[in-house]
Amino acid sequence: MSDDVRIHREGGILEVTLDRPKANAIDLATSRVMGEVFASFRDDSTLLVAIVRTAGDKFFSAGWDLKAAADGDAVDGDYGVGGFAGLQELPGLNKPVIAAVHGMAMGGGFELALSCDLIYASQPVQFGLPEINAGTLADAATIKLPKRMPYHVAMELLLTGRWMGAEEAHRWGLVNEVLPDADSLYERVWEVARLLESGPPLVFAAIKETARAAEGEPFQRVLDLVTSRTLPTVDALYGSEDGLEGFRAFAEKRPPVWKGR
């Protein structure tokens, strides 16, 4: 494991910390390591939830490492199995991933947060896409942002590179919750992670796969995929012990015991 990427495990929760002073920028080598970490998380049935955070107070992540690029890292080089930062293109990741954003999330750092399922942020946080000033494209953000917030607001961020604070991001629905400081941020994120750890993993998998299938597809088309059990995770859920456990627990007036099978 690289010193730039630390992992900490508690039960079914994996916390992944990017630690690359001064700005937590991500080069090709670091991206490949992160991809290996998240692929291992995906493939380990005993891990249920991941937290993504970074070290330091000023930067969540400055995104693509421009110094590494100047030294020869190609912008279209090998980012590893998960694409940029290990999450952007990782196939088959059907487990919840939570971003804990503290500090400035710039460019690819913003895109790393967007690759997660839940985003919690602390004050003061700034999100920005400064690629326009470097004459390049924030490719993942250009695809994702217009789908996740009003089109004209997304285009303003992309076209001007202006900064957006945590409260504004929350107002547009990009951030789930804003916390007053880093300590309360990490406390809240772990609280949410433990809640998800106790949830039904097969249902979470079906939710994530169905949501991915729904992108750009007509409602009826995706509904047919679900009801016909064409999606593998939906089929696994409907044929599982957990698929009956919720009903049994309700009838027996007890908490459900999820087994992931």
C-alpha atoms as a PDB file:
ATOM      1  CA  MET A   1       0.000   0.000   0.000  1.00  0.00           C
ATOM      2  CA  SER A   2       1.241   3.499  -0.869  1.00  0.00           C
ATOM      3  CA  ASP A   3       1.942   5.978   1.935  1.00  0.00           C
ATOM      4  CA  ASP A   4      -0.269   8.394  -0.012  1.00  0.00           C
ATOM      5  CA  VAL A   5      -3.365   6.242   0.518  1.00  0.00           C
ATOM      6  CA  ARG A   6      -4.205   4.956   4.002  1.00  0.00           C
ATOM      7  CA  ILE A   7      -6.957   2.514   4.900  1.00  0.00           C
ATOM      8  CA  HIS A   8      -8.687   1.937   8.218  1.00  0.00           C
ATOM      9  CA  ARG A   9     -11.253  -0.766   8.825  1.00  0.00           C
ATOM     10  CA  GLU A  10     -13.880  -1.095  11.548  1.00  0.00           C
ATOM     11  CA  GLY A  11     -16.214  -4.027  11.092  1.00  0.00           C
ATOM     12  CA  GLY A  12     -17.789  -3.730   7.661  1.00  0.00           C
ATOM     13  CA  ILE A  13     -16.687  -0.109   7.161  1.00  0.00           C
ATOM     14  CA  LEU A  14     -13.576   0.846   5.182  1.00  0.00           C
ATOM     15  CA  GLU A  15     -12.204   4.380   5.546  1.00  0.00           C
ATOM     16  CA  VAL A  16      -9.889   5.444   2.710  1.00  0.00           C
ATOM     17  CA  THR A  17      -7.733   8.521   3.339  1.00  0.00           C
ATOM     18  CA  LEU A  18      -5.797  10.309   0.595  1.00  0.00           C
ATOM     19  CA  ASP A  19      -2.737  12.003   2.108  1.00  0.00           C
ATOM     20  CA  ARG A  20      -0.557  13.795  -0.449  1.00  0.00           C
ATOM     21  CA  PRO A  21       0.626  17.152   0.901  1.00  0.00           C
ATOM     22  CA  LYS A  22       0.166  19.945   0.150  1.00  0.00           C
ATOM     23  CA  ALA A  23      -3.027  19.717  -1.905  1.00  0.00           C
ATOM     24  CA  ASN A  24      -3.937  16.013  -2.068  1.00  0.00           C
ATOM     25  CA  ALA A  25      -3.475  16.114  -5.831  1.00  0.00           C
ATOM     26  CA  ILE A  26      -3.745  12.784  -7.641  1.00  0.00           C
ATOM     27  CA  ASP A  27      -1.176  11.485 -10.102  1.00  0.00           C
ATOM     28  CA  LEU A  28      -1.381   8.311 -12.189  1.00  0.00           C
ATOM     29  CA  ALA A  29       0.363   6.117  -9.615  1.00  0.00           C
ATOM     30  CA  THR A  30      -1.893   7.291  -6.793  1.00  0.00           C
ATOM     31  CA  SER A  31      -4.976   6.808  -8.941  1.00  0.00           C
ATOM     32  CA  ARG A  32      -3.952   3.227  -9.659  1.00  0.00           C
ATOM     33  CA  VAL A  33      -3.465   2.533  -5.943  1.00  0.00           C
ATOM     34  CA  MET A  34      -6.877   4.003  -5.151  1.00  0.00           C
ATOM     35  CA  GLY A  35      -8.403   1.826  -7.854  1.00  0.00           C
ATOM     36  CA  GLU A  36      -6.876  -1.275  -6.277  1.00  0.00           C
ATOM     37  CA  VAL A  37      -8.234  -0.249  -2.880  1.00  0.00           C
ATOM     38  CA  PHE A  38     -11.764   0.323  -4.126  1.00  0.00           C
ATOM     39  CA  ALA A  39     -11.737  -2.831  -6.260  1.00  0.00           C
ATOM     40  CA  SER A  40     -10.742  -4.826  -3.160  1.00  0.00           C
ATOM     41  CA  PHE A  41     -13.556  -3.125  -1.239  1.00  0.00           C
ATOM     42  CA  ARG A  42     -15.988  -4.067  -4.007  1.00  0.00           C
ATOM     43  CA  ASP A  43     -14.878  -7.695  -4.032  1.00  0.00           C
ATOM     44  CA  ASP A  44     -14.716  -8.269  -0.256  1.00  0.00           C
ATOM     45  CA  SER A  45     -18.092  -9.545   0.910  1.00  0.00           C
ATOM     46  CA  THR A  46     -17.290  -8.615   4.523  1.00  0.00           C
ATOM     47  CA  LEU A  47     -16.909  -4.921   3.643  1.00  0.00           C
ATOM     48  CA  LEU A  48     -20.218  -3.103   3.304  1.00  0.00           C
ATOM     49  CA  VAL A  49     -19.601   0.672   3.274  1.00  0.00           C
ATOM     50  CA  ALA A  50     -16.676   2.917   2.294  1.00  0.00           C
ATOM     51  CA  ILE A  51     -15.771   6.410   3.462  1.00  0.00           C
ATOM     52  CA  VAL A  52     -13.580   8.634   1.276  1.00  0.00           C
ATOM     53  CA  ARG A  53     -11.713  11.430   3.017  1.00  0.00           C
ATOM     54  CA  THR A  54      -8.421  13.279   2.751  1.00  0.00           C
ATOM     55  CA  ALA A  55      -5.799  14.524   5.192  1.00  0.00           C
ATOM     56  CA  GLY A  56      -5.184  18.168   6.020  1.00  0.00           C
ATOM     57  CA  ASP A  57      -7.407  21.192   6.425  1.00  0.00           C
ATOM     58  CA  LYS A  58      -6.953  23.360   3.333  1.00  0.00           C
ATOM     59  CA  PHE A  59      -7.568  20.923   0.474  1.00  0.00           C
ATOM     60  CA  PHE A  60      -9.953  18.010   0.123  1.00  0.00           C
ATOM     61  CA  SER A  61      -8.205  17.511  -3.207  1.00  0.00           C
ATOM     62  CA  ALA A  62      -6.853  19.750  -5.924  1.00  0.00           C
ATOM     63  CA  GLY A  63      -7.629  16.989  -8.424  1.00  0.00           C
ATOM     64  CA  TRP A  64      -5.218  16.124 -11.223  1.00  0.00           C
ATOM     65  CA  ASP A  65      -1.570  16.565 -10.215  1.00  0.00           C
ATOM     66  CA  LEU A  66      -0.323  19.228 -12.641  1.00  0.00           C
ATOM     67  CA  LYS A  67       3.267  18.926 -11.401  1.00  0.00           C
ATOM     68  CA  ALA A  68       3.226  15.222 -12.252  1.00  0.00           C
ATOM     69  CA  ALA A  69       1.735  16.098 -15.628  1.00  0.00           C
ATOM     70  CA  ALA A  70       4.583  18.536 -16.247  1.00  0.00           C
ATOM     71  CA  ASP A  71       7.023  15.735 -15.393  1.00  0.00           C
ATOM     72  CA  GLY A  72       5.477  13.369 -17.916  1.00  0.00           C
ATOM     73  CA  ASP A  73       2.202  11.970 -16.553  1.00  0.00           C
ATOM     74  CA  ALA A  74      -0.104  11.925 -19.576  1.00  0.00           C
ATOM     75  CA  VAL A  75      -3.648  13.211 -19.077  1.00  0.00           C
ATOM     76  CA  ASP A  76      -4.861  10.151 -20.999  1.00  0.00           C
ATOM     77  CA  GLY A  77      -2.496   7.757 -19.200  1.00  0.00           C
ATOM     78  CA  ASP A  78      -3.290   4.637 -17.190  1.00  0.00           C
ATOM     79  CA  TYR A  79      -5.403   5.693 -14.213  1.00  0.00           C
ATOM     80  CA  GLY A  80      -5.997   2.082 -13.160  1.00  0.00           C
ATOM     81  CA  VAL A  81      -8.988  -0.206 -12.868  1.00  0.00           C
ATOM     82  CA  GLY A  82     -11.312   2.461 -11.461  1.00  0.00           C
ATOM     83  CA  GLY A  83     -10.394   5.364 -13.703  1.00  0.00           C
ATOM     84  CA  PHE A  84      -9.424   8.690 -12.146  1.00  0.00           C
ATOM     85  CA  ALA A  85      -9.072   8.466  -8.337  1.00  0.00           C
ATOM     86  CA  GLY A  86     -10.177   4.834  -8.381  1.00  0.00           C
ATOM     87  CA  LEU A  87     -13.918   5.478  -8.373  1.00  0.00           C
ATOM     88  CA  GLN A  88     -14.887   7.342 -11.505  1.00  0.00           C
ATOM     89  CA  GLU A  89     -15.150   4.275 -13.746  1.00  0.00           C
ATOM     90  CA  LEU A  90     -14.969   1.316 -11.374  1.00  0.00           C
ATOM     91  CA  PRO A  91     -17.367  -1.327 -12.742  1.00  0.00           C
ATOM     92  CA  GLY A  92     -19.782  -3.249 -10.560  1.00  0.00           C
ATOM     93  CA  LEU A  93     -19.385  -1.209  -7.385  1.00  0.00           C
ATOM     94  CA  ASN A  94     -22.743  -1.925  -5.742  1.00  0.00           C
ATOM     95  CA  LYS A  95     -21.933  -0.804  -2.202  1.00  0.00           C
ATOM     96  CA  PRO A  96     -22.518   2.646  -0.637  1.00  0.00           C
ATOM     97  CA  VAL A  97     -19.608   5.095  -0.732  1.00  0.00           C
ATOM     98  CA  ILE A  98     -19.647   8.274   1.370  1.00  0.00           C
ATOM     99  CA  ALA A  99     -17.521  11.354   0.702  1.00  0.00           C
ATOM    100  CA  ALA A 100     -16.372  13.424   3.693  1.00  0.00           C
ATOM    101  CA  VAL A 101     -15.321  16.719   2.118  1.00  0.00           C
ATOM    102  CA  HIS A 102     -13.247  19.162   4.153  1.00  0.00           C
ATOM    103  CA  GLY A 103     -11.345  21.958   2.450  1.00  0.00           C
ATOM    104  CA  MET A 104     -11.252  22.903  -1.225  1.00  0.00           C
ATOM    105  CA  ALA A 105     -12.511  20.330  -3.727  1.00  0.00           C
ATOM    106  CA  MET A 106     -11.130  21.466  -7.068  1.00  0.00           C
ATOM    107  CA  GLY A 107     -11.446  19.905 -10.494  1.00  0.00           C
ATOM    108  CA  GLY A 108     -10.810  16.194 -10.119  1.00  0.00           C
ATOM    109  CA  GLY A 109     -11.269  16.550  -6.359  1.00  0.00           C
ATOM    110  CA  PHE A 110     -14.804  17.762  -7.003  1.00  0.00           C
ATOM    111  CA  GLU A 111     -15.233  14.855  -9.430  1.00  0.00           C
ATOM    112  CA  LEU A 112     -14.015  12.400  -6.773  1.00  0.00           C
ATOM    113  CA  ALA A 113     -16.781  13.601  -4.457  1.00  0.00           C
ATOM    114  CA  LEU A 114     -19.312  13.324  -7.297  1.00  0.00           C
ATOM    115  CA  SER A 115     -18.272   9.676  -7.750  1.00  0.00           C
ATOM    116  CA  CYS A 116     -19.620   8.881  -4.272  1.00  0.00           C
ATOM    117  CA  ASP A 117     -23.232   8.115  -3.349  1.00  0.00           C
ATOM    118  CA  LEU A 118     -23.473  10.510  -0.413  1.00  0.00           C
ATOM    119  CA  ILE A 119     -21.558  13.749   0.153  1.00  0.00           C
ATOM    120  CA  TYR A 120     -21.144  15.402   3.547  1.00  0.00           C
ATOM    121  CA  ALA A 121     -19.177  18.633   3.824  1.00  0.00           C
ATOM    122  CA  SER A 122     -17.823  20.861   6.580  1.00  0.00           C
ATOM    123  CA  GLN A 123     -17.311  24.577   6.807  1.00  0.00           C
ATOM    124  CA  PRO A 124     -15.456  26.148   5.163  1.00  0.00           C
ATOM    125  CA  VAL A 125     -15.689  24.098   1.973  1.00  0.00           C
ATOM    126  CA  GLN A 126     -15.349  25.358  -1.578  1.00  0.00           C
ATOM    127  CA  PHE A 127     -16.142  23.398  -4.729  1.00  0.00           C
ATOM    128  CA  GLY A 128     -14.731  24.542  -8.049  1.00  0.00           C
ATOM    129  CA  LEU A 129     -13.945  23.490 -11.599  1.00  0.00           C
ATOM    130  CA  PRO A 130     -10.996  25.673 -12.667  1.00  0.00           C
ATOM    131  CA  GLU A 131     -10.190  23.589 -15.752  1.00  0.00           C
ATOM    132  CA  ILE A 132     -11.569  26.333 -18.001  1.00  0.00           C
ATOM    133  CA  ASN A 133      -8.687  28.569 -16.854  1.00  0.00           C
ATOM    134  CA  ALA A 134      -6.153  25.921 -17.867  1.00  0.00           C
ATOM    135  CA  GLY A 135      -7.732  25.460 -21.272  1.00  0.00           C
ATOM    136  CA  THR A 136      -8.919  21.925 -20.573  1.00  0.00           C
ATOM    137  CA  LEU A 137     -12.126  19.987 -19.930  1.00  0.00           C
ATOM    138  CA  ALA A 138     -13.530  18.786 -16.611  1.00  0.00           C
ATOM    139  CA  ASP A 139     -14.839  15.734 -18.411  1.00  0.00           C
ATOM    140  CA  ALA A 140     -16.613  13.759 -15.664  1.00  0.00           C
ATOM    141  CA  ALA A 141     -18.102  16.892 -14.099  1.00  0.00           C
ATOM    142  CA  THR A 142     -19.312  18.074 -17.510  1.00  0.00           C
ATOM    143  CA  ILE A 143     -21.240  14.809 -17.838  1.00  0.00           C
ATOM    144  CA  LYS A 144     -22.533  14.569 -14.269  1.00  0.00           C
ATOM    145  CA  LEU A 145     -23.297  18.097 -13.079  1.00  0.00           C
ATOM    146  CA  PRO A 146     -26.079  18.989 -15.572  1.00  0.00           C
ATOM    147  CA  LYS A 147     -27.884  15.811 -14.441  1.00  0.00           C
ATOM    148  CA  ARG A 148     -27.593  16.576 -10.738  1.00  0.00           C
ATOM    149  CA  MET A 149     -28.448  20.262 -10.515  1.00  0.00           C
ATOM    150  CA  PRO A 150     -30.240  22.885 -12.640  1.00  0.00           C
ATOM    151  CA  TYR A 151     -28.647  23.013 -16.092  1.00  0.00           C
ATOM    152  CA  HIS A 152     -27.903  26.732 -16.060  1.00  0.00           C
ATOM    153  CA  VAL A 153     -26.222  26.586 -12.646  1.00  0.00           C
ATOM    154  CA  ALA A 154     -24.110  23.618 -13.747  1.00  0.00           C
ATOM    155  CA  MET A 155     -23.093  25.413 -16.926  1.00  0.00           C
ATOM    156  CA  GLU A 156     -22.154  28.535 -14.962  1.00  0.00           C
ATOM    157  CA  LEU A 157     -19.782  26.485 -12.814  1.00  0.00           C
ATOM    158  CA  LEU A 158     -18.276  24.774 -15.864  1.00  0.00           C
ATOM    159  CA  LEU A 159     -18.018  27.883 -18.066  1.00  0.00           C
ATOM    160  CA  THR A 160     -16.752  30.389 -15.481  1.00  0.00           C
ATOM    161  CA  GLY A 161     -14.812  28.219 -13.012  1.00  0.00           C
ATOM    162  CA  ARG A 162     -16.347  30.132 -10.103  1.00  0.00           C
ATOM    163  CA  TRP A 163     -16.298  28.758  -6.570  1.00  0.00           C
ATOM    164  CA  MET A 164     -19.358  27.314  -4.851  1.00  0.00           C
ATOM    165  CA  GLY A 165     -19.581  27.125  -1.072  1.00  0.00           C
ATOM    166  CA  ALA A 166     -20.961  24.249   0.965  1.00  0.00           C
ATOM    167  CA  GLU A 167     -24.296  25.925   1.709  1.00  0.00           C
ATOM    168  CA  GLU A 168     -24.931  26.637  -1.963  1.00  0.00           C
ATOM    169  CA  ALA A 169     -23.967  23.077  -2.864  1.00  0.00           C
ATOM    170  CA  HIS A 170     -26.448  21.863  -0.263  1.00  0.00           C
ATOM    171  CA  ARG A 171     -29.135  24.160  -1.630  1.00  0.00           C
ATOM    172  CA  TRP A 172     -28.708  22.658  -5.106  1.00  0.00           C
ATOM    173  CA  GLY A 173     -28.790  19.115  -3.706  1.00  0.00           C
ATOM    174  CA  LEU A 174     -25.126  18.262  -4.370  1.00  0.00           C
ATOM    175  CA  VAL A 175     -24.346  17.912  -0.664  1.00  0.00           C
ATOM    176  CA  ASN A 176     -26.455  15.889   1.767  1.00  0.00           C
ATOM    177  CA  GLU A 177     -25.517  17.859   4.869  1.00  0.00           C
ATOM    178  CA  VAL A 178     -23.184  20.670   5.919  1.00  0.00           C
ATOM    179  CA  LEU A 179     -21.386  20.366   9.262  1.00  0.00           C
ATOM    180  CA  PRO A 180     -19.730  23.228  11.152  1.00  0.00           C
ATOM    181  CA  ASP A 181     -16.194  21.772  11.317  1.00  0.00           C
ATOM    182  CA  ALA A 182     -14.023  18.772  10.480  1.00  0.00           C
ATOM    183  CA  ASP A 183     -14.576  16.954  13.780  1.00  0.00           C
ATOM    184  CA  SER A 184     -18.349  17.068  13.472  1.00  0.00           C
ATOM    185  CA  LEU A 185     -18.051  16.098   9.794  1.00  0.00           C
ATOM    186  CA  TYR A 186     -16.156  12.871  10.479  1.00  0.00           C
ATOM    187  CA  GLU A 187     -18.362  12.056  13.464  1.00  0.00           C
ATOM    188  CA  ARG A 188     -21.470  12.440  11.299  1.00  0.00           C
ATOM    189  CA  VAL A 189     -20.027  10.439   8.395  1.00  0.00           C
ATOM    190  CA  TRP A 190     -19.161   7.528  10.670  1.00  0.00           C
ATOM    191  CA  GLU A 191     -22.649   7.691  12.158  1.00  0.00           C
ATOM    192  CA  VAL A 192     -24.140   7.364   8.673  1.00  0.00           C
ATOM    193  CA  ALA A 193     -21.676   4.628   7.736  1.00  0.00           C
ATOM    194  CA  ARG A 194     -22.671   2.569  10.778  1.00  0.00           C
ATOM    195  CA  LEU A 195     -26.324   3.024   9.888  1.00  0.00           C
ATOM    196  CA  LEU A 196     -25.652   1.715   6.379  1.00  0.00           C
ATOM    197  CA  GLU A 197     -23.470  -1.093   7.742  1.00  0.00           C
ATOM    198  CA  SER A 198     -26.535  -2.435   9.551  1.00  0.00           C
ATOM    199  CA  GLY A 199     -28.701  -2.226   6.415  1.00  0.00           C
ATOM    200  CA  PRO A 200     -29.568  -4.837   3.767  1.00  0.00           C
ATOM    201  CA  PRO A 201     -26.559  -5.179   1.424  1.00  0.00           C
ATOM    202  CA  LEU A 202     -28.506  -6.948  -1.331  1.00  0.00           C
ATOM    203  CA  VAL A 203     -31.046  -4.122  -1.427  1.00  0.00           C
ATOM    204  CA  PHE A 204     -28.260  -1.534  -1.576  1.00  0.00           C
ATOM    205  CA  ALA A 205     -26.707  -3.410  -4.502  1.00  0.00           C
ATOM    206  CA  ALA A 206     -30.032  -3.514  -6.331  1.00  0.00           C
ATOM    207  CA  ILE A 207     -30.586   0.203  -5.703  1.00  0.00           C
ATOM    208  CA  LYS A 208     -27.192   1.156  -7.129  1.00  0.00           C
ATOM    209  CA  GLU A 209     -27.473  -1.064 -10.200  1.00  0.00           C
ATOM    210  CA  THR A 210     -31.017   0.098 -10.935  1.00  0.00           C
ATOM    211  CA  ALA A 211     -30.003   3.747 -10.565  1.00  0.00           C
ATOM    212  CA  ARG A 212     -27.114   3.240 -13.004  1.00  0.00           C
ATOM    213  CA  ALA A 213     -29.392   1.463 -15.472  1.00  0.00           C
ATOM    214  CA  ALA A 214     -31.855   4.355 -15.298  1.00  0.00           C
ATOM    215  CA  GLU A 215     -29.375   6.963 -16.515  1.00  0.00           C
ATOM    216  CA  GLY A 216     -30.529   8.135 -19.923  1.00  0.00           C
ATOM    217  CA  GLU A 217     -33.131   5.372 -20.263  1.00  0.00           C
ATOM    218  CA  PRO A 218     -36.943   5.688 -20.421  1.00  0.00           C
ATOM    219  CA  PHE A 219     -38.788   4.854 -17.206  1.00  0.00           C
ATOM    220  CA  GLN A 220     -40.709   1.909 -18.635  1.00  0.00           C
ATOM    221  CA  ARG A 221     -37.559   0.357 -20.088  1.00  0.00           C
ATOM    222  CA  VAL A 222     -35.821   0.340 -16.692  1.00  0.00           C
ATOM    223  CA  LEU A 223     -38.962  -0.768 -14.859  1.00  0.00           C
ATOM    224  CA  ASP A 224     -39.192  -3.734 -17.225  1.00  0.00           C
ATOM    225  CA  LEU A 225     -35.569  -4.616 -16.424  1.00  0.00           C
ATOM    226  CA  VAL A 226     -36.407  -4.597 -12.720  1.00  0.00           C
ATOM    227  CA  THR A 227     -39.700  -6.490 -12.836  1.00  0.00           C
ATOM    228  CA  SER A 228     -38.299  -9.117 -15.202  1.00  0.00           C
ATOM    229  CA  ARG A 229     -35.319  -9.585 -12.847  1.00  0.00           C
ATOM    230  CA  THR A 230     -32.961  -8.942 -15.756  1.00  0.00           C
ATOM    231  CA  LEU A 231     -30.602  -6.924 -13.556  1.00  0.00           C
ATOM    232  CA  PRO A 232     -28.339  -9.427 -11.725  1.00  0.00           C
ATOM    233  CA  THR A 233     -28.533  -7.713  -8.337  1.00  0.00           C
ATOM    234  CA  VAL A 234     -32.338  -7.501  -8.489  1.00  0.00           C
ATOM    235  CA  ASP A 235     -32.555 -11.176  -9.396  1.00  0.00           C
ATOM    236  CA  ALA A 236     -30.206 -12.074  -6.532  1.00  0.00           C
ATOM    237  CA  LEU A 237     -32.292 -10.024  -4.090  1.00  0.00           C
ATOM    238  CA  TYR A 238     -35.635 -11.568  -5.064  1.00  0.00           C
ATOM    239  CA  GLY A 239     -34.228 -15.078  -4.751  1.00  0.00           C
ATOM    240  CA  SER A 240     -32.447 -14.511  -1.436  1.00  0.00           C
ATOM    241  CA  GLU A 241     -33.024 -15.165   2.257  1.00  0.00           C
ATOM    242  CA  ASP A 242     -32.777 -11.421   2.835  1.00  0.00           C
ATOM    243  CA  GLY A 243     -35.625 -10.961   0.352  1.00  0.00           C
ATOM    244  CA  LEU A 244     -37.943 -12.633   2.883  1.00  0.00           C
ATOM    245  CA  GLU A 245     -36.255 -11.519   6.090  1.00  0.00           C
ATOM    246  CA  GLY A 246     -37.747  -8.021   6.071  1.00  0.00           C
ATOM    247  CA  PHE A 247     -41.289  -9.368   5.832  1.00  0.00           C
ATOM    248  CA  ARG A 248     -40.646 -11.990   8.513  1.00  0.00           C
ATOM    249  CA  ALA A 249     -39.106  -9.447  10.859  1.00  0.00           C
ATOM    250  CA  PHE A 250     -42.087  -7.126  10.429  1.00  0.00           C
ATOM    251  CA  ALA A 251     -44.566  -9.948  11.091  1.00  0.00           C
ATOM    252  CA  GLU A 252     -42.593 -11.119  14.121  1.00  0.00           C
ATOM    253  CA  LYS A 253     -42.131  -7.560  15.434  1.00  0.00           C
ATOM    254  CA  ARG A 254     -38.332  -7.776  15.626  1.00  0.00           C
ATOM    255  CA  PRO A 255     -35.381  -6.061  13.951  1.00  0.00           C
ATOM    256  CA  PRO A 256     -34.330  -7.719  10.681  1.00  0.00           C
ATOM    257  CA  VAL A 257     -31.103  -9.725  10.581  1.00  0.00           C
ATOM    258  CA  TRP A 258     -29.472  -9.269   7.180  1.00  0.00           C
ATOM    259  CA  LYS A 259     -27.135 -12.002   5.972  1.00  0.00           C
ATOM    260  CA  GLY A 260     -26.292 -10.712   2.514  1.00  0.00           C
ATOM    261  CA  ARG A 261     -27.603 -13.872   0.885  1.00  0.00           C
END
